[in-house]
Amino acid sequence: MKRLFLVATLLAFSTAAHAATSADAQAALASAEKVEAQAAGFGNRWVPAEAALKAARDAIAKQNWDEALVQANTARALAQRAVEQSQEQETLWRDAIIR
């Protein structure tokens, strides 16, 4: 979990190095929503990812593009991990079956 947080933080800060535009924020939000929809398809939506998506939408509404970009990238990273977790669990559960 620490590694995920570090990656999300580094990603967020690296994208915030330049002033974000409305198009940047919208594209990041769309990407995050796409990955979040994949996680929802597995039935594995993470609360922190949902909170980051909401924060990104709120920041876009306030025209705070930098904050929106940071929150959307964080949401995407968390949702991607949820998808990876779901895919991993689809195969690993078989190893737990008593034979």
PDB file of N, CA and C in Angstrom:
ATOM      1  N   MET A   1       0.829  -1.193   0.000  1.00  0.00           N
ATOM      2  CA  MET A   1       0.000   0.000   0.000  1.00  0.00           C
ATOM      3  C   MET A   1       0.870   1.252   0.000  1.00  0.00           C
ATOM      4  N   LYS A   2       2.000   1.181   0.721  1.00  0.00           N
ATOM      5  CA  LYS A   2       2.903   2.325   0.743  1.00  0.00           C
ATOM      6  C   LYS A   2       3.444   2.600  -0.653  1.00  0.00           C
ATOM      7  N   ARG A   3       3.761   1.512  -1.369  1.00  0.00           N
ATOM      8  CA  ARG A   3       4.306   1.673  -2.720  1.00  0.00           C
ATOM      9  C   ARG A   3       3.282   2.315  -3.642  1.00  0.00           C
ATOM     10  N   LEU A   4       2.031   1.898  -3.516  1.00  0.00           N
ATOM     11  CA  LEU A   4       0.966   2.474  -4.337  1.00  0.00           C
ATOM     12  C   LEU A   4       0.804   3.956  -4.047  1.00  0.00           C
ATOM     13  N   PHE A   5       0.830   4.297  -2.771  1.00  0.00           N
ATOM     14  CA  PHE A   5       0.705   5.708  -2.393  1.00  0.00           C
ATOM     15  C   PHE A   5       1.871   6.511  -2.951  1.00  0.00           C
ATOM     16  N   LEU A   6       3.074   5.957  -2.865  1.00  0.00           N
ATOM     17  CA  LEU A   6       4.248   6.652  -3.380  1.00  0.00           C
ATOM     18  C   LEU A   6       4.138   6.858  -4.888  1.00  0.00           C
ATOM     19  N   VAL A   7       3.727   5.834  -5.599  1.00  0.00           N
ATOM     20  CA  VAL A   7       3.577   5.946  -7.057  1.00  0.00           C
ATOM     21  C   VAL A   7       2.514   6.985  -7.406  1.00  0.00           C
ATOM     22  N   ALA A   8       1.385   6.935  -6.714  1.00  0.00           N
ATOM     23  CA  ALA A   8       0.312   7.902  -6.979  1.00  0.00           C
ATOM     24  C   ALA A   8       0.770   9.326  -6.675  1.00  0.00           C
ATOM     25  N   THR A   9       1.509   9.490  -5.588  1.00  0.00           N
ATOM     26  CA  THR A   9       2.001  10.817  -5.218  1.00  0.00           C
ATOM     27  C   THR A   9       3.006  11.330  -6.235  1.00  0.00           C
ATOM     28  N   LEU A  10       3.939  10.481  -6.628  1.00  0.00           N
ATOM     29  CA  LEU A  10       4.929  10.900  -7.627  1.00  0.00           C
ATOM     30  C   LEU A  10       4.263  11.237  -8.955  1.00  0.00           C
ATOM     31  N   LEU A  11       3.304  10.440  -9.352  1.00  0.00           N
ATOM     32  CA  LEU A  11       2.573  10.711 -10.584  1.00  0.00           C
ATOM     33  C   LEU A  11       1.843  12.042 -10.491  1.00  0.00           C
ATOM     34  N   ALA A  12       1.223  12.271  -9.355  1.00  0.00           N
ATOM     35  CA  ALA A  12       0.476  13.508  -9.166  1.00  0.00           C
ATOM     36  C   ALA A  12       1.405  14.719  -9.220  1.00  0.00           C
ATOM     37  N   PHE A  13       2.539  14.641  -8.548  1.00  0.00           N
ATOM     38  CA  PHE A  13       3.459  15.774  -8.535  1.00  0.00           C
ATOM     39  C   PHE A  13       4.156  15.961  -9.878  1.00  0.00           C
ATOM     40  N   SER A  14       4.422  14.888 -10.572  1.00  0.00           N
ATOM     41  CA  SER A  14       5.097  15.023 -11.859  1.00  0.00           C
ATOM     42  C   SER A  14       4.183  15.667 -12.898  1.00  0.00           C
ATOM     43  N   THR A  15       2.892  15.403 -12.817  1.00  0.00           N
ATOM     44  CA  THR A  15       1.985  16.017 -13.772  1.00  0.00           C
ATOM     45  C   THR A  15       1.632  17.440 -13.382  1.00  0.00           C
ATOM     46  N   ALA A  16       1.813  17.793 -12.110  1.00  0.00           N
ATOM     47  CA  ALA A  16       1.480  19.141 -11.661  1.00  0.00           C
ATOM     48  C   ALA A  16       2.646  20.104 -11.855  1.00  0.00           C
ATOM     49  N   ALA A  17       3.760  19.635 -12.427  1.00  0.00           N
ATOM     50  CA  ALA A  17       4.925  20.491 -12.613  1.00  0.00           C
ATOM     51  C   ALA A  17       4.642  21.628 -13.597  1.00  0.00           C
ATOM     52  N   HIS A  18       3.752  21.422 -14.528  1.00  0.00           N
ATOM     53  CA  HIS A  18       3.354  22.485 -15.440  1.00  0.00           C
ATOM     54  C   HIS A  18       1.899  22.839 -15.160  1.00  0.00           C
ATOM     55  N   ALA A  19       1.521  24.008 -15.544  1.00  0.00           N
ATOM     56  CA  ALA A  19       0.136  24.424 -15.309  1.00  0.00           C
ATOM     57  C   ALA A  19      -0.792  23.597 -16.188  1.00  0.00           C
ATOM     58  N   ALA A  20      -1.718  22.935 -15.542  1.00  0.00           N
ATOM     59  CA  ALA A  20      -2.658  22.087 -16.267  1.00  0.00           C
ATOM     60  C   ALA A  20      -3.715  22.947 -16.955  1.00  0.00           C
ATOM     61  N   THR A  21      -4.220  22.433 -18.050  1.00  0.00           N
ATOM     62  CA  THR A  21      -5.290  23.115 -18.768  1.00  0.00           C
ATOM     63  C   THR A  21      -6.588  22.354 -18.550  1.00  0.00           C
ATOM     64  N   SER A  22      -7.642  22.942 -18.994  1.00  0.00           N
ATOM     65  CA  SER A  22      -8.941  22.287 -18.907  1.00  0.00           C
ATOM     66  C   SER A  22      -8.917  20.965 -19.664  1.00  0.00           C
ATOM     67  N   ALA A  23      -8.289  20.945 -20.817  1.00  0.00           N
ATOM     68  CA  ALA A  23      -8.212  19.724 -21.622  1.00  0.00           C
ATOM     69  C   ALA A  23      -7.426  18.636 -20.894  1.00  0.00           C
ATOM     70  N   ASP A  24      -6.331  19.027 -20.225  1.00  0.00           N
ATOM     71  CA  ASP A  24      -5.550  18.055 -19.452  1.00  0.00           C
ATOM     72  C   ASP A  24      -6.406  17.426 -18.357  1.00  0.00           C
ATOM     73  N   ALA A  25      -7.107  18.271 -17.626  1.00  0.00           N
ATOM     74  CA  ALA A  25      -7.939  17.800 -16.520  1.00  0.00           C
ATOM     75  C   ALA A  25      -9.069  16.908 -17.021  1.00  0.00           C
ATOM     76  N   GLN A  26      -9.708  17.301 -18.101  1.00  0.00           N
ATOM     77  CA  GLN A  26     -10.809  16.508 -18.653  1.00  0.00           C
ATOM     78  C   GLN A  26     -10.307  15.152 -19.153  1.00  0.00           C
ATOM     79  N   ALA A  27      -9.149  15.152 -19.802  1.00  0.00           N
ATOM     80  CA  ALA A  27      -8.594  13.894 -20.305  1.00  0.00           C
ATOM     81  C   ALA A  27      -8.216  12.969 -19.160  1.00  0.00           C
ATOM     82  N   ALA A  28      -7.616  13.518 -18.115  1.00  0.00           N
ATOM     83  CA  ALA A  28      -7.245  12.703 -16.955  1.00  0.00           C
ATOM     84  C   ALA A  28      -8.490  12.143 -16.272  1.00  0.00           C
ATOM     85  N   LEU A  29      -9.528  12.957 -16.165  1.00  0.00           N
ATOM     86  CA  LEU A  29     -10.773  12.496 -15.546  1.00  0.00           C
ATOM     87  C   LEU A  29     -11.413  11.385 -16.377  1.00  0.00           C
ATOM     88  N   ALA A  30     -11.430  11.556 -17.685  1.00  0.00           N
ATOM     89  CA  ALA A  30     -12.008  10.530 -18.564  1.00  0.00           C
ATOM     90  C   ALA A  30     -11.243   9.215 -18.438  1.00  0.00           C
ATOM     91  N   SER A  31      -9.929   9.306 -18.373  1.00  0.00           N
ATOM     92  CA  SER A  31      -9.104   8.113 -18.226  1.00  0.00           C
ATOM     93  C   SER A  31      -9.376   7.423 -16.885  1.00  0.00           C
ATOM     94  N   ALA A  32      -9.475   8.214 -15.833  1.00  0.00           N
ATOM     95  CA  ALA A  32      -9.752   7.659 -14.507  1.00  0.00           C
ATOM     96  C   ALA A  32     -11.136   7.016 -14.460  1.00  0.00           C
ATOM     97  N   GLU A  33     -12.104   7.649 -15.085  1.00  0.00           N
ATOM     98  CA  GLU A  33     -13.461   7.088 -15.101  1.00  0.00           C
ATOM     99  C   GLU A  33     -13.507   5.781 -15.880  1.00  0.00           C
ATOM    100  N   LYS A  34     -12.717   5.679 -16.933  1.00  0.00           N
ATOM    101  CA  LYS A  34     -12.675   4.452 -17.727  1.00  0.00           C
ATOM    102  C   LYS A  34     -12.123   3.293 -16.897  1.00  0.00           C
ATOM    103  N   VAL A  35     -11.033   3.545 -16.182  1.00  0.00           N
ATOM    104  CA  VAL A  35     -10.444   2.491 -15.359  1.00  0.00           C
ATOM    105  C   VAL A  35     -11.366   2.163 -14.189  1.00  0.00           C
ATOM    106  N   GLU A  36     -12.022   3.178 -13.630  1.00  0.00           N
ATOM    107  CA  GLU A  36     -12.965   2.953 -12.535  1.00  0.00           C
ATOM    108  C   GLU A  36     -14.140   2.094 -13.007  1.00  0.00           C
ATOM    109  N   ALA A  37     -14.569   2.283 -14.241  1.00  0.00           N
ATOM    110  CA  ALA A  37     -15.650   1.456 -14.790  1.00  0.00           C
ATOM    111  C   ALA A  37     -15.201   0.004 -14.905  1.00  0.00           C
ATOM    112  N   GLN A  38     -13.934  -0.220 -15.231  1.00  0.00           N
ATOM    113  CA  GLN A  38     -13.407  -1.587 -15.275  1.00  0.00           C
ATOM    114  C   GLN A  38     -13.447  -2.205 -13.880  1.00  0.00           C
ATOM    115  N   ALA A  39     -13.043  -1.438 -12.882  1.00  0.00           N
ATOM    116  CA  ALA A  39     -13.067  -1.937 -11.499  1.00  0.00           C
ATOM    117  C   ALA A  39     -14.498  -2.251 -11.082  1.00  0.00           C
ATOM    118  N   ALA A  40     -15.426  -1.400 -11.481  1.00  0.00           N
ATOM    119  CA  ALA A  40     -16.837  -1.628 -11.149  1.00  0.00           C
ATOM    120  C   ALA A  40     -17.348  -2.899 -11.825  1.00  0.00           C
ATOM    121  N   GLY A  41     -16.842  -3.179 -13.004  1.00  0.00           N
ATOM    122  CA  GLY A  41     -17.225  -4.400 -13.708  1.00  0.00           C
ATOM    123  C   GLY A  41     -16.845  -5.653 -12.934  1.00  0.00           C
ATOM    124  N   PHE A  42     -15.770  -5.573 -12.175  1.00  0.00           N
ATOM    125  CA  PHE A  42     -15.363  -6.681 -11.318  1.00  0.00           C
ATOM    126  C   PHE A  42     -16.085  -6.652  -9.973  1.00  0.00           C
ATOM    127  N   GLY A  43     -16.808  -5.566  -9.719  1.00  0.00           N
ATOM    128  CA  GLY A  43     -17.461  -5.411  -8.422  1.00  0.00           C
ATOM    129  C   GLY A  43     -16.478  -5.031  -7.329  1.00  0.00           C
ATOM    130  N   ASN A  44     -15.410  -4.347  -7.713  1.00  0.00           N
ATOM    131  CA  ASN A  44     -14.347  -4.018  -6.772  1.00  0.00           C
ATOM    132  C   ASN A  44     -14.023  -2.528  -6.841  1.00  0.00           C
ATOM    133  N   ARG A  45     -14.943  -1.720  -6.371  1.00  0.00           N
ATOM    134  CA  ARG A  45     -14.714  -0.277  -6.365  1.00  0.00           C
ATOM    135  C   ARG A  45     -14.113   0.113  -5.022  1.00  0.00           C
ATOM    136  N   TRP A  46     -13.003   0.823  -5.066  1.00  0.00           N
ATOM    137  CA  TRP A  46     -12.331   1.248  -3.848  1.00  0.00           C
ATOM    138  C   TRP A  46     -12.850   2.620  -3.438  1.00  0.00           C
ATOM    139  N   VAL A  47     -13.143   2.782  -2.163  1.00  0.00           N
ATOM    140  CA  VAL A  47     -13.664   4.045  -1.638  1.00  0.00           C
ATOM    141  C   VAL A  47     -12.683   5.208  -1.880  1.00  0.00           C
ATOM    142  N   PRO A  48     -11.379   5.040  -1.656  1.00  0.00           N
ATOM    143  CA  PRO A  48     -10.455   6.155  -1.926  1.00  0.00           C
ATOM    144  C   PRO A  48     -10.444   6.580  -3.394  1.00  0.00           C
ATOM    145  N   ALA A  49     -10.605   5.618  -4.292  1.00  0.00           N
ATOM    146  CA  ALA A  49     -10.653   5.966  -5.717  1.00  0.00           C
ATOM    147  C   ALA A  49     -11.908   6.774  -6.022  1.00  0.00           C
ATOM    148  N   GLU A  50     -13.034   6.361  -5.433  1.00  0.00           N
ATOM    149  CA  GLU A  50     -14.286   7.096  -5.617  1.00  0.00           C
ATOM    150  C   GLU A  50     -14.166   8.512  -5.065  1.00  0.00           C
ATOM    151  N   ALA A  51     -13.523   8.651  -3.908  1.00  0.00           N
ATOM    152  CA  ALA A  51     -13.348   9.974  -3.296  1.00  0.00           C
ATOM    153  C   ALA A  51     -12.465  10.864  -4.165  1.00  0.00           C
ATOM    154  N   ALA A  52     -11.409  10.284  -4.734  1.00  0.00           N
ATOM    155  CA  ALA A  52     -10.527  11.059  -5.607  1.00  0.00           C
ATOM    156  C   ALA A  52     -11.253  11.482  -6.886  1.00  0.00           C
ATOM    157  N   LEU A  53     -12.099  10.604  -7.433  1.00  0.00           N
ATOM    158  CA  LEU A  53     -12.885  10.969  -8.609  1.00  0.00           C
ATOM    159  C   LEU A  53     -13.832  12.125  -8.304  1.00  0.00           C
ATOM    160  N   LYS A  54     -14.480  12.053  -7.154  1.00  0.00           N
ATOM    161  CA  LYS A  54     -15.386  13.131  -6.756  1.00  0.00           C
ATOM    162  C   LYS A  54     -14.618  14.433  -6.579  1.00  0.00           C
ATOM    163  N   ALA A  55     -13.452  14.354  -5.956  1.00  0.00           N
ATOM    164  CA  ALA A  55     -12.621  15.546  -5.768  1.00  0.00           C
ATOM    165  C   ALA A  55     -12.176  16.122  -7.114  1.00  0.00           C
ATOM    166  N   ALA A  56     -11.879  15.258  -8.065  1.00  0.00           N
ATOM    167  CA  ALA A  56     -11.481  15.719  -9.402  1.00  0.00           C
ATOM    168  C   ALA A  56     -12.646  16.431 -10.095  1.00  0.00           C
ATOM    169  N   ARG A  57     -13.829  15.850  -9.982  1.00  0.00           N
ATOM    170  CA  ARG A  57     -15.015  16.493 -10.587  1.00  0.00           C
ATOM    171  C   ARG A  57     -15.284  17.852  -9.941  1.00  0.00           C
ATOM    172  N   ASP A  58     -15.154  17.913  -8.614  1.00  0.00           N
ATOM    173  CA  ASP A  58     -15.366  19.181  -7.911  1.00  0.00           C
ATOM    174  C   ASP A  58     -14.336  20.228  -8.329  1.00  0.00           C
ATOM    175  N   ALA A  59     -13.087  19.802  -8.478  1.00  0.00           N
ATOM    176  CA  ALA A  59     -12.036  20.726  -8.889  1.00  0.00           C
ATOM    177  C   ALA A  59     -12.280  21.238 -10.310  1.00  0.00           C
ATOM    178  N   ILE A  60     -12.770  20.377 -11.179  1.00  0.00           N
ATOM    179  CA  ILE A  60     -13.095  20.813 -12.541  1.00  0.00           C
ATOM    180  C   ILE A  60     -14.231  21.826 -12.499  1.00  0.00           C
ATOM    181  N   ALA A  61     -15.218  21.567 -11.665  1.00  0.00           N
ATOM    182  CA  ALA A  61     -16.338  22.506 -11.543  1.00  0.00           C
ATOM    183  C   ALA A  61     -15.862  23.876 -11.052  1.00  0.00           C
ATOM    184  N   LYS A  62     -14.815  23.872 -10.224  1.00  0.00           N
ATOM    185  CA  LYS A  62     -14.256  25.122  -9.700  1.00  0.00           C
ATOM    186  C   LYS A  62     -13.159  25.690 -10.603  1.00  0.00           C
ATOM    187  N   GLN A  63     -12.909  25.012 -11.718  1.00  0.00           N
ATOM    188  CA  GLN A  63     -11.883  25.391 -12.692  1.00  0.00           C
ATOM    189  C   GLN A  63     -10.484  25.416 -12.085  1.00  0.00           C
ATOM    190  N   ASN A  64     -10.249  24.514 -11.161  1.00  0.00           N
ATOM    191  CA  ASN A  64      -8.932  24.334 -10.562  1.00  0.00           C
ATOM    192  C   ASN A  64      -8.283  23.142 -11.271  1.00  0.00           C
ATOM    193  N   TRP A  65      -7.683  23.432 -12.415  1.00  0.00           N
ATOM    194  CA  TRP A  65      -7.207  22.376 -13.302  1.00  0.00           C
ATOM    195  C   TRP A  65      -6.087  21.549 -12.690  1.00  0.00           C
ATOM    196  N   ASP A  66      -5.165  22.202 -11.977  1.00  0.00           N
ATOM    197  CA  ASP A  66      -4.056  21.467 -11.378  1.00  0.00           C
ATOM    198  C   ASP A  66      -4.564  20.449 -10.356  1.00  0.00           C
ATOM    199  N   GLU A  67      -5.455  20.874  -9.477  1.00  0.00           N
ATOM    200  CA  GLU A  67      -6.013  19.972  -8.467  1.00  0.00           C
ATOM    201  C   GLU A  67      -6.816  18.846  -9.129  1.00  0.00           C
ATOM    202  N   ALA A  68      -7.555  19.190 -10.156  1.00  0.00           N
ATOM    203  CA  ALA A  68      -8.327  18.178 -10.869  1.00  0.00           C
ATOM    204  C   ALA A  68      -7.410  17.122 -11.478  1.00  0.00           C
ATOM    205  N   LEU A  69      -6.312  17.565 -12.044  1.00  0.00           N
ATOM    206  CA  LEU A  69      -5.357  16.638 -12.650  1.00  0.00           C
ATOM    207  C   LEU A  69      -4.738  15.718 -11.599  1.00  0.00           C
ATOM    208  N   VAL A  70      -4.361  16.281 -10.477  1.00  0.00           N
ATOM    209  CA  VAL A  70      -3.780  15.481  -9.395  1.00  0.00           C
ATOM    210  C   VAL A  70      -4.786  14.452  -8.892  1.00  0.00           C
ATOM    211  N   GLN A  71      -5.997  14.879  -8.629  1.00  0.00           N
ATOM    212  CA  GLN A  71      -7.016  13.974  -8.102  1.00  0.00           C
ATOM    213  C   GLN A  71      -7.402  12.903  -9.121  1.00  0.00           C
ATOM    214  N   ALA A  72      -7.513  13.273 -10.368  1.00  0.00           N
ATOM    215  CA  ALA A  72      -7.862  12.300 -11.409  1.00  0.00           C
ATOM    216  C   ALA A  72      -6.766  11.258 -11.573  1.00  0.00           C
ATOM    217  N   ASN A  73      -5.514  11.686 -11.527  1.00  0.00           N
ATOM    218  CA  ASN A  73      -4.405  10.732 -11.640  1.00  0.00           C
ATOM    219  C   ASN A  73      -4.350   9.807 -10.429  1.00  0.00           C
ATOM    220  N   THR A  74      -4.646  10.345  -9.262  1.00  0.00           N
ATOM    221  CA  THR A  74      -4.698   9.514  -8.062  1.00  0.00           C
ATOM    222  C   THR A  74      -5.827   8.490  -8.180  1.00  0.00           C
ATOM    223  N   ALA A  75      -6.983   8.942  -8.626  1.00  0.00           N
ATOM    224  CA  ALA A  75      -8.126   8.039  -8.801  1.00  0.00           C
ATOM    225  C   ALA A  75      -7.798   6.948  -9.811  1.00  0.00           C
ATOM    226  N   ARG A  76      -7.141   7.317 -10.876  1.00  0.00           N
ATOM    227  CA  ARG A  76      -6.785   6.334 -11.906  1.00  0.00           C
ATOM    228  C   ARG A  76      -5.827   5.290 -11.350  1.00  0.00           C
ATOM    229  N   ALA A  77      -4.819   5.731 -10.604  1.00  0.00           N
ATOM    230  CA  ALA A  77      -3.847   4.797 -10.027  1.00  0.00           C
ATOM    231  C   ALA A  77      -4.535   3.829  -9.059  1.00  0.00           C
ATOM    232  N   LEU A  78      -5.413   4.342  -8.239  1.00  0.00           N
ATOM    233  CA  LEU A  78      -6.119   3.484  -7.284  1.00  0.00           C
ATOM    234  C   LEU A  78      -7.069   2.526  -7.989  1.00  0.00           C
ATOM    235  N   ALA A  79      -7.781   3.022  -8.979  1.00  0.00           N
ATOM    236  CA  ALA A  79      -8.708   2.160  -9.717  1.00  0.00           C
ATOM    237  C   ALA A  79      -7.953   1.084 -10.490  1.00  0.00           C
ATOM    238  N   GLN A  80      -6.793   1.442 -11.027  1.00  0.00           N
ATOM    239  CA  GLN A  80      -5.980   0.461 -11.744  1.00  0.00           C
ATOM    240  C   GLN A  80      -5.539  -0.651 -10.802  1.00  0.00           C
ATOM    241  N   ARG A  81      -5.179  -0.280  -9.596  1.00  0.00           N
ATOM    242  CA  ARG A  81      -4.785  -1.296  -8.611  1.00  0.00           C
ATOM    243  C   ARG A  81      -5.976  -2.184  -8.241  1.00  0.00           C
ATOM    244  N   ALA A  82      -7.162  -1.605  -8.172  1.00  0.00           N
ATOM    245  CA  ALA A  82      -8.360  -2.404  -7.886  1.00  0.00           C
ATOM    246  C   ALA A  82      -8.606  -3.418  -8.994  1.00  0.00           C
ATOM    247  N   VAL A  83      -8.405  -3.006 -10.236  1.00  0.00           N
ATOM    248  CA  VAL A  83      -8.564  -3.921 -11.373  1.00  0.00           C
ATOM    249  C   VAL A  83      -7.527  -5.038 -11.294  1.00  0.00           C
ATOM    250  N   GLU A  84      -6.277  -4.658 -11.007  1.00  0.00           N
ATOM    251  CA  GLU A  84      -5.213  -5.657 -10.902  1.00  0.00           C
ATOM    252  C   GLU A  84      -5.511  -6.642  -9.775  1.00  0.00           C
ATOM    253  N   GLN A  85      -6.009  -6.130  -8.657  1.00  0.00           N
ATOM    254  CA  GLN A  85      -6.360  -6.993  -7.542  1.00  0.00           C
ATOM    255  C   GLN A  85      -7.452  -7.980  -7.947  1.00  0.00           C
ATOM    256  N   SER A  86      -8.452  -7.503  -8.638  1.00  0.00           N
ATOM    257  CA  SER A  86      -9.553  -8.363  -9.063  1.00  0.00           C
ATOM    258  C   SER A  86      -9.075  -9.448 -10.014  1.00  0.00           C
ATOM    259  N   GLN A  87      -8.228  -9.076 -10.965  1.00  0.00           N
ATOM    260  CA  GLN A  87      -7.709 -10.053 -11.913  1.00  0.00           C
ATOM    261  C   GLN A  87      -6.846 -11.095 -11.212  1.00  0.00           C
ATOM    262  N   GLU A  88      -6.067 -10.641 -10.258  1.00  0.00           N
ATOM    263  CA  GLU A  88      -5.223 -11.553  -9.495  1.00  0.00           C
ATOM    264  C   GLU A  88      -6.072 -12.531  -8.683  1.00  0.00           C
ATOM    265  N   GLN A  89      -7.112 -12.021  -8.059  1.00  0.00           N
ATOM    266  CA  GLN A  89      -7.960 -12.867  -7.218  1.00  0.00           C
ATOM    267  C   GLN A  89      -8.781 -13.861  -8.036  1.00  0.00           C
ATOM    268  N   GLU A  90      -9.040 -13.548  -9.285  1.00  0.00           N
ATOM    269  CA  GLU A  90      -9.776 -14.483 -10.131  1.00  0.00           C
ATOM    270  C   GLU A  90      -9.019 -15.785 -10.330  1.00  0.00           C
ATOM    271  N   THR A  91      -7.707 -15.724 -10.309  1.00  0.00           N
ATOM    272  CA  THR A  91      -6.916 -16.932 -10.505  1.00  0.00           C
ATOM    273  C   THR A  91      -6.394 -17.516  -9.204  1.00  0.00           C
ATOM    274  N   LEU A  92      -6.066 -16.693  -8.239  1.00  0.00           N
ATOM    275  CA  LEU A  92      -5.465 -17.191  -7.002  1.00  0.00           C
ATOM    276  C   LEU A  92      -6.431 -17.954  -6.113  1.00  0.00           C
ATOM    277  N   TRP A  93      -7.707 -17.695  -6.218  1.00  0.00           N
ATOM    278  CA  TRP A  93      -8.643 -18.398  -5.345  1.00  0.00           C
ATOM    279  C   TRP A  93      -8.604 -19.900  -5.580  1.00  0.00           C
ATOM    280  N   ARG A  94      -8.256 -20.299  -6.784  1.00  0.00           N
ATOM    281  CA  ARG A  94      -8.213 -21.741  -7.085  1.00  0.00           C
ATOM    282  C   ARG A  94      -7.166 -22.449  -6.240  1.00  0.00           C
ATOM    283  N   ASP A  95      -6.089 -21.757  -5.914  1.00  0.00           N
ATOM    284  CA  ASP A  95      -5.028 -22.353  -5.103  1.00  0.00           C
ATOM    285  C   ASP A  95      -5.465 -22.584  -3.673  1.00  0.00           C
ATOM    286  N   ALA A  96      -6.499 -21.885  -3.232  1.00  0.00           N
ATOM    287  CA  ALA A  96      -6.963 -21.988  -1.847  1.00  0.00           C
ATOM    288  C   ALA A  96      -7.969 -23.118  -1.647  1.00  0.00           C
ATOM    289  N   ILE A  97      -8.443 -23.706  -2.705  1.00  0.00           N
ATOM    290  CA  ILE A  97      -9.427 -24.780  -2.598  1.00  0.00           C
ATOM    291  C   ILE A  97      -8.765 -26.034  -2.048  1.00  0.00           C
ATOM    292  N   ILE A  98      -9.380 -26.603  -1.026  1.00  0.00           N
ATOM    293  CA  ILE A  98      -8.852 -27.826  -0.445  1.00  0.00           C
ATOM    294  C   ILE A  98      -9.196 -28.977  -1.372  1.00  0.00           C
ATOM    295  N   ARG A  99      -8.225 -29.768  -1.699  1.00  0.00           N
ATOM    296  CA  ARG A  99      -8.423 -30.882  -2.629  1.00  0.00           C
ATOM    297  C   ARG A  99      -8.286 -32.200  -1.940  1.00  0.00           C
TER     298      ARG A  99
END
